[in-house]
Amino acid sequence: METVLSGIRSTGNLHLGNYFGALKNFVRMQHDERCFFFIADYHSLTTHPDPGMLHVNVKSVLCEYLAAGLDPDVATIYVQSDVPEVAELSLLLGMHAFVGELERTASFKEKIRKHPDNVNIGLLSYPVLMAADILQHRATRVPVGKDQEQHLELTRRFARRFNQLYGVDYFPECQPYRFGGELVKIPGLDGSGKMGKSEGNGIYLSDTDEAIRKKVMKAVTDSGPTAPDSPMPEVIANLFTLLKVVSSPDTVQFFTDKWNRCEIRYGDLKKQLAEDIIRVVAPIRERIRDIAADEAYLARVVKQGAEKARASASATVADVRRIMGIKPF
């Protein structure tokens, strides 16, 4: 049985990229693998979120995890900060992480370019904390998007470095989990290649029907094809990517034929896309509301998840301390 781990930053609601990129697969695989799903509230602190909203955001993500079908009686679902062992393991792993390799990560370079006034140590050491998230459970598979593959490679590097330095075969080298295919990348509505909260281009599982229609109708397009069977520019290919994950094959083929014959009407395409997204999102949104209203149930879920996650993480930290020579008198 594989050990699989995945986490979502607690910076707001889950979007279609999260759902189709991983969550649907998690719901299936949780019954066959040893799965850990966590809400990364420590990671979110690099952007200095409003303290008054942090717990609200954690609750939102938890409710959406559960509404999407994750079962706390089968998988381990927990809040990152409820497992303090991850902080200690991050510190210990950080002793073997080099500043140069952290500064070279693409995500760090992008963040300091966009936010030069907030180049904090947490941002620099983000891959080390991510490695601790993974290695505390000695995970073998980690579902990640393409933008996180470099961080996963660093996790493997840290694991190899630890094993070689101390002459042990303790940490496994985790691999990206592709669910039997290529890593899924759900595009944003602004014509960019990725849907995400920070990009402001997402459709969320908690969005109302009207909000979804407004967002989709504002999606970026172009002036239309100029010749039969012409290649699609990225902004249009992105809409068709969304269409393929929410619509029937017949619907996709219908609009593909319209494109190839230069008969495409983007308004019609967007209306169909919006209604098909609503068909997927509406039932999940209703479950989110029901779950959010049951505070006692949520408290039981996080308590149970923390206990199971800490049992796994504390065993790892104890082993790492012993291997590194940290022993009691």
C-alpha atoms as a PDB file:
ATOM      1  CA  MET A   1       0.000   0.000   0.000  1.00  0.00           C
ATOM      2  CA  GLU A   2       1.331   3.429  -0.978  1.00  0.00           C
ATOM      3  CA  THR A   3       1.370   6.378   1.420  1.00  0.00           C
ATOM      4  CA  VAL A   4      -0.113   9.395  -0.346  1.00  0.00           C
ATOM      5  CA  LEU A   5      -0.082  12.980   0.938  1.00  0.00           C
ATOM      6  CA  SER A   6      -1.641  16.158  -0.369  1.00  0.00           C
ATOM      7  CA  GLY A   7      -2.263  19.613   1.077  1.00  0.00           C
ATOM      8  CA  ILE A   8      -4.139  22.800   0.243  1.00  0.00           C
ATOM      9  CA  ARG A   9      -3.092  26.254   1.462  1.00  0.00           C
ATOM     10  CA  SER A  10      -5.731  27.767   3.742  1.00  0.00           C
ATOM     11  CA  THR A  11      -5.969  30.996   1.794  1.00  0.00           C
ATOM     12  CA  GLY A  12      -9.559  30.606   0.688  1.00  0.00           C
ATOM     13  CA  ASN A  13     -12.015  28.390  -1.096  1.00  0.00           C
ATOM     14  CA  LEU A  14     -11.168  25.448  -3.308  1.00  0.00           C
ATOM     15  CA  HIS A  15     -11.646  25.974  -7.033  1.00  0.00           C
ATOM     16  CA  LEU A  16     -12.258  23.774 -10.057  1.00  0.00           C
ATOM     17  CA  GLY A  17      -8.512  23.335 -10.518  1.00  0.00           C
ATOM     18  CA  ASN A  18      -8.303  21.719  -7.077  1.00  0.00           C
ATOM     19  CA  TYR A  19     -11.386  19.609  -7.690  1.00  0.00           C
ATOM     20  CA  PHE A  20     -10.582  18.221 -11.125  1.00  0.00           C
ATOM     21  CA  GLY A  21      -6.842  18.326 -10.619  1.00  0.00           C
ATOM     22  CA  ALA A  22      -6.879  16.041  -7.607  1.00  0.00           C
ATOM     23  CA  LEU A  23      -9.921  15.884  -5.336  1.00  0.00           C
ATOM     24  CA  LYS A  24     -12.019  13.605  -7.526  1.00  0.00           C
ATOM     25  CA  ASN A  25      -9.129  11.174  -7.660  1.00  0.00           C
ATOM     26  CA  PHE A  26      -8.546  11.413  -3.913  1.00  0.00           C
ATOM     27  CA  VAL A  27     -12.134  10.363  -3.261  1.00  0.00           C
ATOM     28  CA  ARG A  28     -11.523   7.182  -5.243  1.00  0.00           C
ATOM     29  CA  MET A  29      -8.061   6.373  -3.968  1.00  0.00           C
ATOM     30  CA  GLN A  30      -8.663   6.979  -0.228  1.00  0.00           C
ATOM     31  CA  HIS A  31     -10.113   3.479   0.065  1.00  0.00           C
ATOM     32  CA  ASP A  32      -7.073   1.789  -1.486  1.00  0.00           C
ATOM     33  CA  GLU A  33      -4.062   3.736  -0.167  1.00  0.00           C
ATOM     34  CA  ARG A  34      -2.829   5.181   3.133  1.00  0.00           C
ATOM     35  CA  CYS A  35      -3.875   8.792   2.533  1.00  0.00           C
ATOM     36  CA  PHE A  36      -3.134  12.022   4.393  1.00  0.00           C
ATOM     37  CA  PHE A  37      -4.909  15.245   3.412  1.00  0.00           C
ATOM     38  CA  PHE A  38      -4.048  18.436   5.259  1.00  0.00           C
ATOM     39  CA  ILE A  39      -4.883  22.122   5.299  1.00  0.00           C
ATOM     40  CA  ALA A  40      -1.660  24.124   5.109  1.00  0.00           C
ATOM     41  CA  ASP A  41      -2.247  27.054   7.414  1.00  0.00           C
ATOM     42  CA  TYR A  42       1.460  27.410   8.263  1.00  0.00           C
ATOM     43  CA  HIS A  43       2.263  27.792   4.557  1.00  0.00           C
ATOM     44  CA  SER A  44      -0.340  30.531   4.179  1.00  0.00           C
ATOM     45  CA  LEU A  45       1.466  32.696   6.755  1.00  0.00           C
ATOM     46  CA  THR A  46       4.121  33.679   4.204  1.00  0.00           C
ATOM     47  CA  THR A  47       1.598  36.148   2.774  1.00  0.00           C
ATOM     48  CA  HIS A  48       0.590  37.548   6.210  1.00  0.00           C
ATOM     49  CA  PRO A  49      -3.130  36.726   6.030  1.00  0.00           C
ATOM     50  CA  ASP A  50      -5.645  38.554   8.184  1.00  0.00           C
ATOM     51  CA  PRO A  51      -5.546  36.765  11.584  1.00  0.00           C
ATOM     52  CA  GLY A  52      -9.286  37.202  11.872  1.00  0.00           C
ATOM     53  CA  MET A  53      -9.805  35.267   8.638  1.00  0.00           C
ATOM     54  CA  LEU A  54      -7.260  32.473   9.041  1.00  0.00           C
ATOM     55  CA  HIS A  55      -9.550  30.148  11.005  1.00  0.00           C
ATOM     56  CA  VAL A  56     -12.461  31.016   8.705  1.00  0.00           C
ATOM     57  CA  ASN A  57     -10.373  29.975   5.709  1.00  0.00           C
ATOM     58  CA  VAL A  58      -9.266  26.756   7.392  1.00  0.00           C
ATOM     59  CA  LYS A  59     -12.895  25.886   8.096  1.00  0.00           C
ATOM     60  CA  SER A  60     -13.875  26.648   4.498  1.00  0.00           C
ATOM     61  CA  VAL A  61     -11.259  24.322   3.062  1.00  0.00           C
ATOM     62  CA  LEU A  62     -12.153  21.594   5.585  1.00  0.00           C
ATOM     63  CA  CYS A  63     -15.835  21.794   4.667  1.00  0.00           C
ATOM     64  CA  GLU A  64     -15.005  21.663   0.984  1.00  0.00           C
ATOM     65  CA  TYR A  65     -12.716  18.652   1.445  1.00  0.00           C
ATOM     66  CA  LEU A  66     -15.544  16.813   3.155  1.00  0.00           C
ATOM     67  CA  ALA A  67     -18.223  17.981   0.713  1.00  0.00           C
ATOM     68  CA  ALA A  68     -16.115  16.774  -2.211  1.00  0.00           C
ATOM     69  CA  GLY A  69     -16.181  13.281  -0.728  1.00  0.00           C
ATOM     70  CA  LEU A  70     -13.139  12.805   1.495  1.00  0.00           C
ATOM     71  CA  ASP A  71     -14.029  10.450   4.353  1.00  0.00           C
ATOM     72  CA  PRO A  72     -12.378  11.164   7.740  1.00  0.00           C
ATOM     73  CA  ASP A  73     -13.103   7.604   8.845  1.00  0.00           C
ATOM     74  CA  VAL A  74     -11.038   6.254   5.945  1.00  0.00           C
ATOM     75  CA  ALA A  75      -8.361   8.878   5.274  1.00  0.00           C
ATOM     76  CA  THR A  76      -6.460  11.158   7.663  1.00  0.00           C
ATOM     77  CA  ILE A  77      -7.687  14.748   7.310  1.00  0.00           C
ATOM     78  CA  TYR A  78      -5.961  17.312   9.504  1.00  0.00           C
ATOM     79  CA  VAL A  79      -4.903  20.929   9.959  1.00  0.00           C
ATOM     80  CA  GLN A  80      -1.158  21.473   9.542  1.00  0.00           C
ATOM     81  CA  SER A  81      -0.744  23.543  12.710  1.00  0.00           C
ATOM     82  CA  ASP A  82      -2.410  20.794  14.775  1.00  0.00           C
ATOM     83  CA  VAL A  83       0.706  18.684  14.162  1.00  0.00           C
ATOM     84  CA  PRO A  84       3.613  20.593  15.776  1.00  0.00           C
ATOM     85  CA  GLU A  85       6.030  17.811  14.815  1.00  0.00           C
ATOM     86  CA  VAL A  86       6.108  19.243  11.294  1.00  0.00           C
ATOM     87  CA  ALA A  87       7.769  22.417  12.593  1.00  0.00           C
ATOM     88  CA  GLU A  88      10.516  20.471  14.340  1.00  0.00           C
ATOM     89  CA  LEU A  89      11.117  18.260  11.326  1.00  0.00           C
ATOM     90  CA  SER A  90      11.263  21.350   9.104  1.00  0.00           C
ATOM     91  CA  LEU A  91      13.946  22.819  11.384  1.00  0.00           C
ATOM     92  CA  LEU A  92      15.971  19.586  11.323  1.00  0.00           C
ATOM     93  CA  LEU A  93      15.730  19.247   7.546  1.00  0.00           C
ATOM     94  CA  GLY A  94      16.661  22.906   7.193  1.00  0.00           C
ATOM     95  CA  MET A  95      20.097  22.105   8.622  1.00  0.00           C
ATOM     96  CA  HIS A  96      20.814  20.269   5.364  1.00  0.00           C
ATOM     97  CA  ALA A  97      19.131  22.701   2.951  1.00  0.00           C
ATOM     98  CA  PHE A  98      21.344  25.263   1.227  1.00  0.00           C
ATOM     99  CA  VAL A  99      20.365  28.883   0.680  1.00  0.00           C
ATOM    100  CA  GLY A 100      21.494  28.782  -2.955  1.00  0.00           C
ATOM    101  CA  GLU A 101      19.238  25.895  -3.930  1.00  0.00           C
ATOM    102  CA  LEU A 102      16.270  27.537  -2.228  1.00  0.00           C
ATOM    103  CA  GLU A 103      16.922  30.881  -3.918  1.00  0.00           C
ATOM    104  CA  ARG A 104      16.975  29.183  -7.319  1.00  0.00           C
ATOM    105  CA  THR A 105      13.435  27.801  -7.109  1.00  0.00           C
ATOM    106  CA  ALA A 106      11.140  29.247  -9.734  1.00  0.00           C
ATOM    107  CA  SER A 107       8.354  29.928  -7.223  1.00  0.00           C
ATOM    108  CA  PHE A 108      10.669  31.951  -4.959  1.00  0.00           C
ATOM    109  CA  LYS A 109      11.924  34.021  -7.878  1.00  0.00           C
ATOM    110  CA  GLU A 110       8.366  34.697  -8.995  1.00  0.00           C
ATOM    111  CA  LYS A 111       7.211  35.694  -5.512  1.00  0.00           C
ATOM    112  CA  ILE A 112      10.048  38.157  -4.929  1.00  0.00           C
ATOM    113  CA  ARG A 113       9.436  39.640  -8.370  1.00  0.00           C
ATOM    114  CA  LYS A 114       5.738  40.165  -7.611  1.00  0.00           C
ATOM    115  CA  HIS A 115       6.171  41.111  -3.942  1.00  0.00           C
ATOM    116  CA  PRO A 116       9.666  42.575  -3.419  1.00  0.00           C
ATOM    117  CA  ASP A 117       8.552  44.115  -0.130  1.00  0.00           C
ATOM    118  CA  ASN A 118       7.760  40.714   1.412  1.00  0.00           C
ATOM    119  CA  VAL A 119      10.824  38.502   0.916  1.00  0.00           C
ATOM    120  CA  ASN A 120      10.611  36.642   4.216  1.00  0.00           C
ATOM    121  CA  ILE A 121      12.458  33.599   5.548  1.00  0.00           C
ATOM    122  CA  GLY A 122       9.251  31.557   5.481  1.00  0.00           C
ATOM    123  CA  LEU A 123       8.983  32.183   1.770  1.00  0.00           C
ATOM    124  CA  LEU A 124      12.578  31.145   1.174  1.00  0.00           C
ATOM    125  CA  SER A 125      12.241  27.995   3.287  1.00  0.00           C
ATOM    126  CA  TYR A 126       8.798  27.102   1.894  1.00  0.00           C
ATOM    127  CA  PRO A 127      10.214  23.993   0.125  1.00  0.00           C
ATOM    128  CA  VAL A 128      11.750  22.792   3.401  1.00  0.00           C
ATOM    129  CA  LEU A 129       8.422  22.972   5.216  1.00  0.00           C
ATOM    130  CA  MET A 130       6.784  21.263   2.246  1.00  0.00           C
ATOM    131  CA  ALA A 131       9.412  18.516   2.474  1.00  0.00           C
ATOM    132  CA  ALA A 132       8.628  18.130   6.182  1.00  0.00           C
ATOM    133  CA  ASP A 133       4.921  17.831   5.372  1.00  0.00           C
ATOM    134  CA  ILE A 134       5.747  14.925   3.088  1.00  0.00           C
ATOM    135  CA  LEU A 135       8.569  13.225   4.938  1.00  0.00           C
ATOM    136  CA  GLN A 136       6.889  13.258   8.360  1.00  0.00           C
ATOM    137  CA  HIS A 137       4.586  10.547   7.006  1.00  0.00           C
ATOM    138  CA  ARG A 138       7.293   9.041   4.780  1.00  0.00           C
ATOM    139  CA  ALA A 139       4.947   9.512   1.856  1.00  0.00           C
ATOM    140  CA  THR A 140       5.748   7.719  -1.396  1.00  0.00           C
ATOM    141  CA  ARG A 141       3.300   9.522  -3.669  1.00  0.00           C
ATOM    142  CA  VAL A 142       2.400  13.222  -3.735  1.00  0.00           C
ATOM    143  CA  PRO A 143      -0.203  14.594  -6.158  1.00  0.00           C
ATOM    144  CA  VAL A 144       1.138  17.973  -7.280  1.00  0.00           C
ATOM    145  CA  GLY A 145       0.607  20.355 -10.151  1.00  0.00           C
ATOM    146  CA  LYS A 146       3.416  21.137 -12.550  1.00  0.00           C
ATOM    147  CA  ASP A 147       4.213  24.343 -10.656  1.00  0.00           C
ATOM    148  CA  GLN A 148       5.099  22.271  -7.578  1.00  0.00           C
ATOM    149  CA  GLU A 149       7.231  19.609  -9.281  1.00  0.00           C
ATOM    150  CA  GLN A 150      10.438  21.544  -8.537  1.00  0.00           C
ATOM    151  CA  HIS A 151       9.558  21.580  -4.830  1.00  0.00           C
ATOM    152  CA  LEU A 152       8.935  17.845  -4.950  1.00  0.00           C
ATOM    153  CA  GLU A 153      12.347  17.322  -6.516  1.00  0.00           C
ATOM    154  CA  LEU A 154      13.845  19.268  -3.601  1.00  0.00           C
ATOM    155  CA  THR A 155      12.020  16.941  -1.200  1.00  0.00           C
ATOM    156  CA  ARG A 156      13.626  13.964  -2.917  1.00  0.00           C
ATOM    157  CA  ARG A 157      16.996  15.722  -2.765  1.00  0.00           C
ATOM    158  CA  PHE A 158      16.609  16.388   0.966  1.00  0.00           C
ATOM    159  CA  ALA A 159      15.638  12.751   1.544  1.00  0.00           C
ATOM    160  CA  ARG A 160      18.674  11.483  -0.403  1.00  0.00           C
ATOM    161  CA  ARG A 161      20.968  13.925   1.366  1.00  0.00           C
ATOM    162  CA  PHE A 162      19.723  12.850   4.800  1.00  0.00           C
ATOM    163  CA  ASN A 163      20.083   9.153   3.967  1.00  0.00           C
ATOM    164  CA  GLN A 164      23.585   9.604   2.540  1.00  0.00           C
ATOM    165  CA  LEU A 165      24.820  11.895   5.312  1.00  0.00           C
ATOM    166  CA  TYR A 166      23.782   9.532   8.088  1.00  0.00           C
ATOM    167  CA  GLY A 167      24.321   6.269   6.233  1.00  0.00           C
ATOM    168  CA  VAL A 168      20.707   5.124   6.492  1.00  0.00           C
ATOM    169  CA  ASP A 169      17.905   4.146   4.161  1.00  0.00           C
ATOM    170  CA  TYR A 170      15.186   5.921   6.099  1.00  0.00           C
ATOM    171  CA  PHE A 171      13.336   8.424   3.931  1.00  0.00           C
ATOM    172  CA  PRO A 172      11.764   7.170   0.691  1.00  0.00           C
ATOM    173  CA  GLU A 173      12.101   9.298  -2.438  1.00  0.00           C
ATOM    174  CA  CYS A 174       8.522  10.340  -3.123  1.00  0.00           C
ATOM    175  CA  GLN A 175       7.199  10.565  -6.650  1.00  0.00           C
ATOM    176  CA  PRO A 176       4.538  12.799  -8.208  1.00  0.00           C
ATOM    177  CA  TYR A 177       1.215  10.984  -8.307  1.00  0.00           C
ATOM    178  CA  ARG A 178      -0.340  11.241 -11.746  1.00  0.00           C
ATOM    179  CA  PHE A 179      -3.404   9.069 -11.229  1.00  0.00           C
ATOM    180  CA  GLY A 180      -2.389   6.961 -14.192  1.00  0.00           C
ATOM    181  CA  GLY A 181      -1.745   9.875 -16.566  1.00  0.00           C
ATOM    182  CA  GLU A 182      -0.183  13.304 -16.931  1.00  0.00           C
ATOM    183  CA  LEU A 183      -0.541  15.838 -14.156  1.00  0.00           C
ATOM    184  CA  VAL A 184      -3.789  17.746 -14.625  1.00  0.00           C
ATOM    185  CA  LYS A 185      -3.639  21.501 -15.055  1.00  0.00           C
ATOM    186  CA  ILE A 186      -6.960  23.359 -15.055  1.00  0.00           C
ATOM    187  CA  PRO A 187      -6.620  26.754 -16.785  1.00  0.00           C
ATOM    188  CA  GLY A 188      -7.890  30.075 -15.504  1.00  0.00           C
ATOM    189  CA  LEU A 189     -10.599  32.221 -17.061  1.00  0.00           C
ATOM    190  CA  ASP A 190      -8.202  35.094 -17.755  1.00  0.00           C
ATOM    191  CA  GLY A 191      -6.374  33.271 -20.531  1.00  0.00           C
ATOM    192  CA  SER A 192      -3.516  32.164 -18.276  1.00  0.00           C
ATOM    193  CA  GLY A 193      -2.386  28.590 -17.956  1.00  0.00           C
ATOM    194  CA  LYS A 194      -3.409  28.013 -14.336  1.00  0.00           C
ATOM    195  CA  MET A 195      -6.507  28.527 -12.229  1.00  0.00           C
ATOM    196  CA  GLY A 196      -5.657  29.859  -8.783  1.00  0.00           C
ATOM    197  CA  LYS A 197      -6.781  32.140  -5.990  1.00  0.00           C
ATOM    198  CA  SER A 198      -3.775  34.445  -6.215  1.00  0.00           C
ATOM    199  CA  GLU A 199      -4.415  34.896  -9.941  1.00  0.00           C
ATOM    200  CA  GLY A 200      -8.056  35.847  -9.294  1.00  0.00           C
ATOM    201  CA  ASN A 201      -9.193  33.726 -12.238  1.00  0.00           C
ATOM    202  CA  GLY A 202     -10.949  30.840 -10.550  1.00  0.00           C
ATOM    203  CA  ILE A 203     -14.398  29.336 -10.151  1.00  0.00           C
ATOM    204  CA  TYR A 204     -14.906  28.113  -6.600  1.00  0.00           C
ATOM    205  CA  LEU A 205     -16.882  25.184  -5.245  1.00  0.00           C
ATOM    206  CA  SER A 206     -18.831  27.632  -3.055  1.00  0.00           C
ATOM    207  CA  ASP A 207     -19.707  30.055  -5.894  1.00  0.00           C
ATOM    208  CA  THR A 208     -23.380  30.766  -6.558  1.00  0.00           C
ATOM    209  CA  ASP A 209     -24.935  29.943  -9.917  1.00  0.00           C
ATOM    210  CA  GLU A 210     -25.053  33.630 -10.812  1.00  0.00           C
ATOM    211  CA  ALA A 211     -21.439  34.184  -9.826  1.00  0.00           C
ATOM    212  CA  ILE A 212     -20.375  31.285 -12.053  1.00  0.00           C
ATOM    213  CA  ARG A 213     -22.332  32.659 -15.021  1.00  0.00           C
ATOM    214  CA  LYS A 214     -20.805  36.123 -14.590  1.00  0.00           C
ATOM    215  CA  LYS A 215     -17.271  34.777 -14.327  1.00  0.00           C
ATOM    216  CA  VAL A 216     -17.572  32.522 -17.353  1.00  0.00           C
ATOM    217  CA  MET A 217     -19.163  35.196 -19.527  1.00  0.00           C
ATOM    218  CA  LYS A 218     -16.194  37.482 -18.735  1.00  0.00           C
ATOM    219  CA  ALA A 219     -13.663  34.836 -19.752  1.00  0.00           C
ATOM    220  CA  VAL A 220     -10.995  36.076 -22.173  1.00  0.00           C
ATOM    221  CA  THR A 221     -11.499  35.180 -25.851  1.00  0.00           C
ATOM    222  CA  ASP A 222     -10.284  36.468 -29.230  1.00  0.00           C
ATOM    223  CA  SER A 223     -11.870  37.586 -32.495  1.00  0.00           C
ATOM    224  CA  GLY A 224     -12.463  34.015 -33.679  1.00  0.00           C
ATOM    225  CA  PRO A 225     -10.869  31.613 -36.174  1.00  0.00           C
ATOM    226  CA  THR A 226      -9.877  33.029 -39.553  1.00  0.00           C
ATOM    227  CA  ALA A 227      -9.539  29.757 -41.470  1.00  0.00           C
ATOM    228  CA  PRO A 228     -11.084  26.257 -41.220  1.00  0.00           C
ATOM    229  CA  ASP A 229      -9.288  23.841 -38.888  1.00  0.00           C
ATOM    230  CA  SER A 230      -6.923  26.564 -37.673  1.00  0.00           C
ATOM    231  CA  PRO A 231      -5.036  25.937 -34.407  1.00  0.00           C
ATOM    232  CA  MET A 232      -6.610  27.381 -31.262  1.00  0.00           C
ATOM    233  CA  PRO A 233      -4.810  30.181 -29.445  1.00  0.00           C
ATOM    234  CA  GLU A 234      -4.176  29.504 -25.759  1.00  0.00           C
ATOM    235  CA  VAL A 235      -7.102  31.561 -24.467  1.00  0.00           C
ATOM    236  CA  ILE A 236      -9.566  29.504 -26.541  1.00  0.00           C
ATOM    237  CA  ALA A 237      -7.845  26.192 -25.893  1.00  0.00           C
ATOM    238  CA  ASN A 238      -8.244  26.966 -22.191  1.00  0.00           C
ATOM    239  CA  LEU A 239     -12.021  27.259 -22.553  1.00  0.00           C
ATOM    240  CA  PHE A 240     -12.116  23.946 -24.393  1.00  0.00           C
ATOM    241  CA  THR A 241     -10.021  22.352 -21.637  1.00  0.00           C
ATOM    242  CA  LEU A 242     -12.650  23.431 -19.113  1.00  0.00           C
ATOM    243  CA  LEU A 243     -15.391  22.204 -21.413  1.00  0.00           C
ATOM    244  CA  LYS A 244     -13.790  18.759 -21.611  1.00  0.00           C
ATOM    245  CA  VAL A 245     -13.803  18.287 -17.840  1.00  0.00           C
ATOM    246  CA  VAL A 246     -17.396  19.398 -17.163  1.00  0.00           C
ATOM    247  CA  SER A 247     -19.330  18.691 -20.375  1.00  0.00           C
ATOM    248  CA  SER A 248     -20.389  15.615 -22.303  1.00  0.00           C
ATOM    249  CA  PRO A 249     -18.244  14.401 -25.241  1.00  0.00           C
ATOM    250  CA  ASP A 250     -21.093  15.333 -27.596  1.00  0.00           C
ATOM    251  CA  THR A 251     -21.037  18.927 -26.348  1.00  0.00           C
ATOM    252  CA  VAL A 252     -17.273  19.148 -26.744  1.00  0.00           C
ATOM    253  CA  GLN A 253     -17.489  17.738 -30.262  1.00  0.00           C
ATOM    254  CA  PHE A 254     -20.287  20.155 -31.176  1.00  0.00           C
ATOM    255  CA  PHE A 255     -18.246  23.239 -30.307  1.00  0.00           C
ATOM    256  CA  THR A 256     -15.054  21.769 -31.760  1.00  0.00           C
ATOM    257  CA  ASP A 257     -16.854  21.327 -35.078  1.00  0.00           C
ATOM    258  CA  LYS A 258     -18.128  24.894 -34.851  1.00  0.00           C
ATOM    259  CA  TRP A 259     -14.553  26.101 -34.361  1.00  0.00           C
ATOM    260  CA  ASN A 260     -13.209  24.058 -37.243  1.00  0.00           C
ATOM    261  CA  ARG A 261     -15.904  25.445 -39.566  1.00  0.00           C
ATOM    262  CA  CYS A 262     -15.307  29.030 -38.372  1.00  0.00           C
ATOM    263  CA  GLU A 263     -18.881  29.105 -37.034  1.00  0.00           C
ATOM    264  CA  ILE A 264     -18.050  29.380 -33.347  1.00  0.00           C
ATOM    265  CA  ARG A 265     -20.083  31.831 -31.267  1.00  0.00           C
ATOM    266  CA  TYR A 266     -18.228  32.431 -28.040  1.00  0.00           C
ATOM    267  CA  GLY A 267     -21.386  33.594 -26.270  1.00  0.00           C
ATOM    268  CA  ASP A 268     -23.047  30.234 -26.913  1.00  0.00           C
ATOM    269  CA  LEU A 269     -19.897  28.382 -25.842  1.00  0.00           C
ATOM    270  CA  LYS A 270     -19.681  30.337 -22.588  1.00  0.00           C
ATOM    271  CA  LYS A 271     -23.366  29.860 -21.757  1.00  0.00           C
ATOM    272  CA  GLN A 272     -23.058  26.114 -22.211  1.00  0.00           C
ATOM    273  CA  LEU A 273     -19.828  26.007 -20.222  1.00  0.00           C
ATOM    274  CA  ALA A 274     -21.387  27.975 -17.347  1.00  0.00           C
ATOM    275  CA  GLU A 275     -24.407  25.676 -17.098  1.00  0.00           C
ATOM    276  CA  ASP A 276     -22.237  22.561 -17.166  1.00  0.00           C
ATOM    277  CA  ILE A 277     -20.002  23.977 -14.424  1.00  0.00           C
ATOM    278  CA  ILE A 278     -23.092  24.766 -12.334  1.00  0.00           C
ATOM    279  CA  ARG A 279     -24.273  21.184 -12.753  1.00  0.00           C
ATOM    280  CA  VAL A 280     -21.005  20.021 -11.171  1.00  0.00           C
ATOM    281  CA  VAL A 281     -20.683  22.688  -8.484  1.00  0.00           C
ATOM    282  CA  ALA A 282     -24.263  23.082  -7.185  1.00  0.00           C
ATOM    283  CA  PRO A 283     -24.523  19.718  -5.353  1.00  0.00           C
ATOM    284  CA  ILE A 284     -21.112  20.247  -3.723  1.00  0.00           C
ATOM    285  CA  ARG A 285     -22.075  23.777  -2.663  1.00  0.00           C
ATOM    286  CA  GLU A 286     -25.189  22.438  -0.907  1.00  0.00           C
ATOM    287  CA  ARG A 287     -23.151  19.844   0.966  1.00  0.00           C
ATOM    288  CA  ILE A 288     -20.667  22.551   2.023  1.00  0.00           C
ATOM    289  CA  ARG A 289     -23.485  24.539   3.636  1.00  0.00           C
ATOM    290  CA  ASP A 290     -24.795  21.524   5.540  1.00  0.00           C
ATOM    291  CA  ILE A 291     -21.346  20.519   6.793  1.00  0.00           C
ATOM    292  CA  ALA A 292     -20.384  24.088   7.794  1.00  0.00           C
ATOM    293  CA  ALA A 293     -23.472  24.276  10.018  1.00  0.00           C
ATOM    294  CA  ASP A 294     -22.406  21.212  12.043  1.00  0.00           C
ATOM    295  CA  GLU A 295     -19.661  22.576  14.314  1.00  0.00           C
ATOM    296  CA  ALA A 296     -19.585  19.471  16.501  1.00  0.00           C
ATOM    297  CA  TYR A 297     -18.924  17.246  13.505  1.00  0.00           C
ATOM    298  CA  LEU A 298     -16.091  19.486  12.278  1.00  0.00           C
ATOM    299  CA  ALA A 299     -14.503  19.483  15.731  1.00  0.00           C
ATOM    300  CA  ARG A 300     -14.569  15.670  15.793  1.00  0.00           C
ATOM    301  CA  VAL A 301     -13.050  15.472  12.319  1.00  0.00           C
ATOM    302  CA  VAL A 302     -10.054  17.707  13.089  1.00  0.00           C
ATOM    303  CA  LYS A 303      -9.457  16.107  16.515  1.00  0.00           C
ATOM    304  CA  GLN A 304      -9.473  12.629  15.004  1.00  0.00           C
ATOM    305  CA  GLY A 305      -7.272  13.754  12.112  1.00  0.00           C
ATOM    306  CA  ALA A 306      -4.738  15.426  14.400  1.00  0.00           C
ATOM    307  CA  GLU A 307      -4.444  12.308  16.546  1.00  0.00           C
ATOM    308  CA  LYS A 308      -3.769  10.074  13.546  1.00  0.00           C
ATOM    309  CA  ALA A 309      -1.384  12.541  11.892  1.00  0.00           C
ATOM    310  CA  ARG A 310       0.577  13.131  15.117  1.00  0.00           C
ATOM    311  CA  ALA A 311       0.960   9.403  15.691  1.00  0.00           C
ATOM    312  CA  SER A 312       2.614   9.116  12.273  1.00  0.00           C
ATOM    313  CA  ALA A 313       4.674  12.319  12.532  1.00  0.00           C
ATOM    314  CA  SER A 314       5.914  11.789  16.094  1.00  0.00           C
ATOM    315  CA  ALA A 315       7.301   8.361  15.196  1.00  0.00           C
ATOM    316  CA  THR A 316       9.213   9.921  12.295  1.00  0.00           C
ATOM    317  CA  VAL A 317      10.589  12.806  14.349  1.00  0.00           C
ATOM    318  CA  ALA A 318      11.722  10.395  17.072  1.00  0.00           C
ATOM    319  CA  ASP A 319      13.588   8.344  14.467  1.00  0.00           C
ATOM    320  CA  VAL A 320      15.154  11.445  12.890  1.00  0.00           C
ATOM    321  CA  ARG A 321      16.322  12.778  16.262  1.00  0.00           C
ATOM    322  CA  ARG A 322      17.924   9.422  17.055  1.00  0.00           C
ATOM    323  CA  ILE A 323      19.601   9.164  13.637  1.00  0.00           C
ATOM    324  CA  MET A 324      20.969  12.706  13.960  1.00  0.00           C
ATOM    325  CA  GLY A 325      22.333  11.959  17.423  1.00  0.00           C
ATOM    326  CA  ILE A 326      19.802  13.865  19.513  1.00  0.00           C
ATOM    327  CA  LYS A 327      19.316  11.553  22.483  1.00  0.00           C
ATOM    328  CA  PRO A 328      18.018  11.907  26.042  1.00  0.00           C
ATOM    329  CA  PHE A 329      20.318  11.625  29.027  1.00  0.00           C
END
